[in-house]
Protein backbone atom coordinates (compact mmCIF):
# COMPACT_ATOMS: atom_id res chain seq x y z
CA MET A 1 -11.75 9.97 -22.40
CA GLY A 2 -14.81 8.19 -21.02
CA PHE A 3 -14.95 5.90 -24.06
CA ILE A 4 -11.66 4.09 -23.38
CA MET A 5 -12.99 1.40 -21.01
CA PRO A 6 -16.07 0.56 -23.11
CA ALA A 7 -13.87 0.45 -26.23
CA PHE A 8 -11.41 -1.84 -24.44
CA ALA A 9 -14.25 -4.15 -23.37
CA GLY A 10 -15.60 -4.11 -26.93
CA VAL A 11 -12.21 -5.11 -28.35
CA ILE A 12 -11.99 -8.02 -25.89
CA ILE A 13 -15.51 -9.21 -26.78
CA LEU A 14 -14.83 -8.87 -30.51
CA TYR A 15 -11.56 -10.79 -30.15
CA GLY A 16 -13.42 -13.54 -28.27
CA PHE A 17 -16.04 -13.80 -31.03
CA ILE A 18 -13.34 -13.96 -33.71
CA ARG A 19 -11.57 -16.76 -31.79
CA ARG A 20 -14.96 -18.51 -31.31
CA VAL A 21 -14.73 -18.33 -27.51
CA PRO A 22 -18.04 -18.41 -25.63
CA VAL A 23 -17.43 -14.94 -24.24
CA PHE A 24 -20.26 -14.77 -21.72
CA ASP A 25 -19.52 -18.27 -20.39
CA ALA A 26 -15.85 -17.34 -19.99
CA PHE A 27 -16.89 -14.16 -18.19
CA ILE A 28 -19.15 -16.07 -15.79
CA GLU A 29 -16.38 -18.60 -15.08
CA GLY A 30 -13.95 -15.77 -14.33
CA VAL A 31 -16.43 -14.14 -11.95
CA ARG A 32 -16.94 -17.49 -10.21
CA GLU A 33 -13.18 -17.98 -9.75
CA GLY A 34 -12.81 -14.41 -8.51
CA PHE A 35 -15.59 -14.92 -5.99
CA PHE A 36 -13.94 -18.04 -4.57
CA THR A 37 -10.61 -16.23 -4.40
CA LEU A 38 -12.34 -13.45 -2.47
CA LEU A 39 -13.74 -16.01 -0.04
CA GLN A 40 -10.23 -17.38 0.53
CA ILE A 41 -8.59 -14.04 1.26
CA ALA A 42 -11.47 -12.23 3.02
CA PRO A 43 -10.62 -13.46 6.56
CA THR A 44 -7.03 -12.28 6.18
CA ILE A 45 -8.07 -8.86 4.86
CA LEU A 46 -10.73 -8.44 7.56
CA GLY A 47 -8.14 -9.28 10.23
CA LEU A 48 -5.75 -6.72 8.78
CA VAL A 49 -8.45 -4.03 8.63
CA PHE A 50 -9.36 -4.80 12.25
CA ALA A 51 -5.72 -4.51 13.34
CA VAL A 52 -5.28 -1.16 11.57
CA SER A 53 -8.48 0.19 13.13
CA LEU A 54 -7.38 -1.04 16.53
CA LEU A 55 -3.98 0.65 16.22
CA ARG A 56 -5.49 3.93 15.02
CA ASN A 57 -8.38 4.15 17.46
CA SER A 58 -6.42 3.04 20.52
CA GLY A 59 -3.79 5.71 20.03
CA ALA A 60 -1.03 3.10 19.75
CA ILE A 61 0.17 4.67 16.49
CA ASN A 62 0.75 7.98 18.31
CA VAL A 63 2.67 6.25 21.11
CA ILE A 64 4.84 4.34 18.62
CA CYS A 65 5.46 7.49 16.59
CA ALA A 66 6.48 9.43 19.70
CA ALA A 67 8.94 6.67 20.58
CA VAL A 68 10.38 6.52 17.05
CA ALA A 69 10.54 10.29 16.42
CA PRO A 70 13.89 10.91 18.19
CA ALA A 71 15.61 8.15 16.18
CA ALA A 72 14.04 9.46 12.96
CA ASN A 73 15.22 12.97 13.78
CA ALA A 74 18.74 11.67 14.45
CA VAL A 75 18.98 10.20 10.93
CA GLY A 76 17.46 13.26 9.25
CA PHE A 77 13.97 11.86 8.68
CA PRO A 78 11.32 14.54 9.29
CA LYS A 79 9.23 13.85 12.38
CA GLU A 80 6.16 15.13 10.53
CA VAL A 81 6.31 12.12 8.22
CA VAL A 82 6.87 9.48 10.94
CA PRO A 83 3.13 8.67 11.34
CA MET A 84 2.81 8.10 7.60
CA ALA A 85 5.96 6.00 7.53
CA MET A 86 4.67 3.86 10.40
CA LEU A 87 1.27 3.35 8.79
CA ARG A 88 2.50 2.82 5.22
CA PRO A 89 3.43 -0.89 5.65
CA VAL A 90 0.00 -1.58 7.11
CA SER A 91 -2.52 0.58 5.25
CA GLY A 92 -2.29 2.23 1.85
CA SER A 93 -5.43 4.33 2.30
CA GLY A 94 -4.44 5.35 5.83
CA SER A 95 -0.97 6.40 4.76
CA THR A 96 -2.41 8.30 1.78
CA ALA A 97 -4.67 10.21 4.15
CA LEU A 98 -1.60 11.08 6.24
CA LEU A 99 0.26 12.10 3.05
CA VAL A 100 -2.54 14.55 2.25
CA SER A 101 -2.38 15.79 5.83
CA VAL A 102 1.36 16.47 5.47
CA PHE A 103 0.65 18.36 2.25
CA GLU A 104 -2.06 20.45 3.91
CA GLN A 105 0.00 21.29 7.01
CA TYR A 106 3.49 21.76 5.54
CA GLY A 107 2.94 22.04 1.78
CA PRO A 108 3.91 19.59 -0.95
CA ASP A 109 7.14 21.48 -1.68
CA SER A 110 8.36 21.44 1.90
CA PHE A 111 11.04 18.97 2.96
CA ALA A 112 8.44 16.92 4.82
CA GLY A 113 6.07 16.99 1.81
CA ARG A 114 8.76 15.87 -0.59
CA VAL A 115 10.01 13.10 1.71
CA ALA A 116 6.43 11.92 2.19
CA SER A 117 5.89 11.90 -1.59
CA VAL A 118 9.05 9.92 -2.28
CA LEU A 119 8.24 7.51 0.53
CA ALA A 120 4.69 6.97 -0.75
CA GLY A 121 6.04 6.17 -4.20
CA SER A 122 8.90 3.96 -3.12
CA SER A 123 7.37 1.82 -0.39
CA GLU A 124 4.76 -0.90 -0.25
CA THR A 125 1.88 -1.81 1.99
CA THR A 126 3.95 -4.73 3.26
CA PHE A 127 1.51 -6.39 5.60
CA TYR A 128 -1.41 -6.01 3.20
CA ALA A 129 0.55 -7.37 0.24
CA THR A 130 1.97 -10.25 2.26
CA ALA A 131 -1.45 -11.15 3.64
CA MET A 132 -3.07 -10.86 0.22
CA TYR A 133 -0.55 -12.78 -1.87
CA PHE A 134 0.33 -15.50 0.61
CA GLY A 135 -3.29 -15.85 1.73
CA CYS A 136 -4.49 -16.12 -1.86
CA VAL A 137 -2.28 -19.12 -2.60
CA GLY A 138 -2.72 -20.65 0.85
CA VAL A 139 0.86 -20.28 2.09
CA LYS A 140 0.99 -20.28 5.90
CA ASN A 141 4.78 -20.12 6.43
CA ILE A 142 6.05 -16.81 5.06
CA ARG A 143 9.63 -17.57 6.14
CA HIS A 144 11.87 -14.55 5.62
CA THR A 145 9.46 -12.52 3.49
CA LEU A 146 8.24 -10.26 6.25
CA VAL A 147 11.72 -9.50 7.60
CA ALA A 148 13.01 -8.68 4.11
CA ALA A 149 9.97 -6.54 3.33
CA ILE A 150 10.25 -4.57 6.57
CA ALA A 151 13.96 -4.05 5.89
CA ALA A 152 12.98 -2.70 2.46
CA ASP A 153 10.44 -0.35 4.08
CA LEU A 154 13.07 0.95 6.52
CA THR A 155 15.47 1.43 3.63
CA ALA A 156 12.81 3.36 1.71
CA MET A 157 12.29 5.60 4.74
CA LEU A 158 15.96 6.41 5.14
CA ILE A 159 16.76 6.77 1.45
CA SER A 160 13.72 8.98 0.80
CA ALA A 161 15.04 11.56 3.27
CA VAL A 162 18.59 11.26 1.95
CA MET A 163 17.61 11.59 -1.73
CA VAL A 164 15.26 14.50 -1.10
CA GLY A 165 18.05 16.16 0.89
CA ILE A 166 20.51 15.65 -1.95
CA PHE A 167 18.38 16.33 -5.03
CA LEU A 168 15.42 18.46 -3.99
CA SER A 169 16.61 20.75 -1.20
């Protein structure tokens, strides 16, 4: 299995030689473009990482989750998954850590574990993706994107609990 990536790279290099493309020069140009793209989006990503760290370390996530838990319980969304659902639009790695935590505490086959799994697979890191894609192309006015994306995240939260309740309970 470890040979797949080197074989893939070899096929690309061979194809470039057959097409008479200066492969190394093309590689260097691609690296240069990637580096400048990184420089464009780095401030946005650093700001997002700072905001996530601030929310986590200040305890604001816990306060928000405590405020949202009664509403989540009223619609049948497990309160154990609320922290993950709140963090999912902001941080993929943070929400994955909370997913693992749900698995360890309640088990992957529990209602909370299944809802968390479906939610992880059906939602997006909204703020990260918006910051990355819009920042990469230099768009400052995101118009209705954020509202629509948050509505999609809320829909994913609700539907994950409903579908798990219907099909997996």
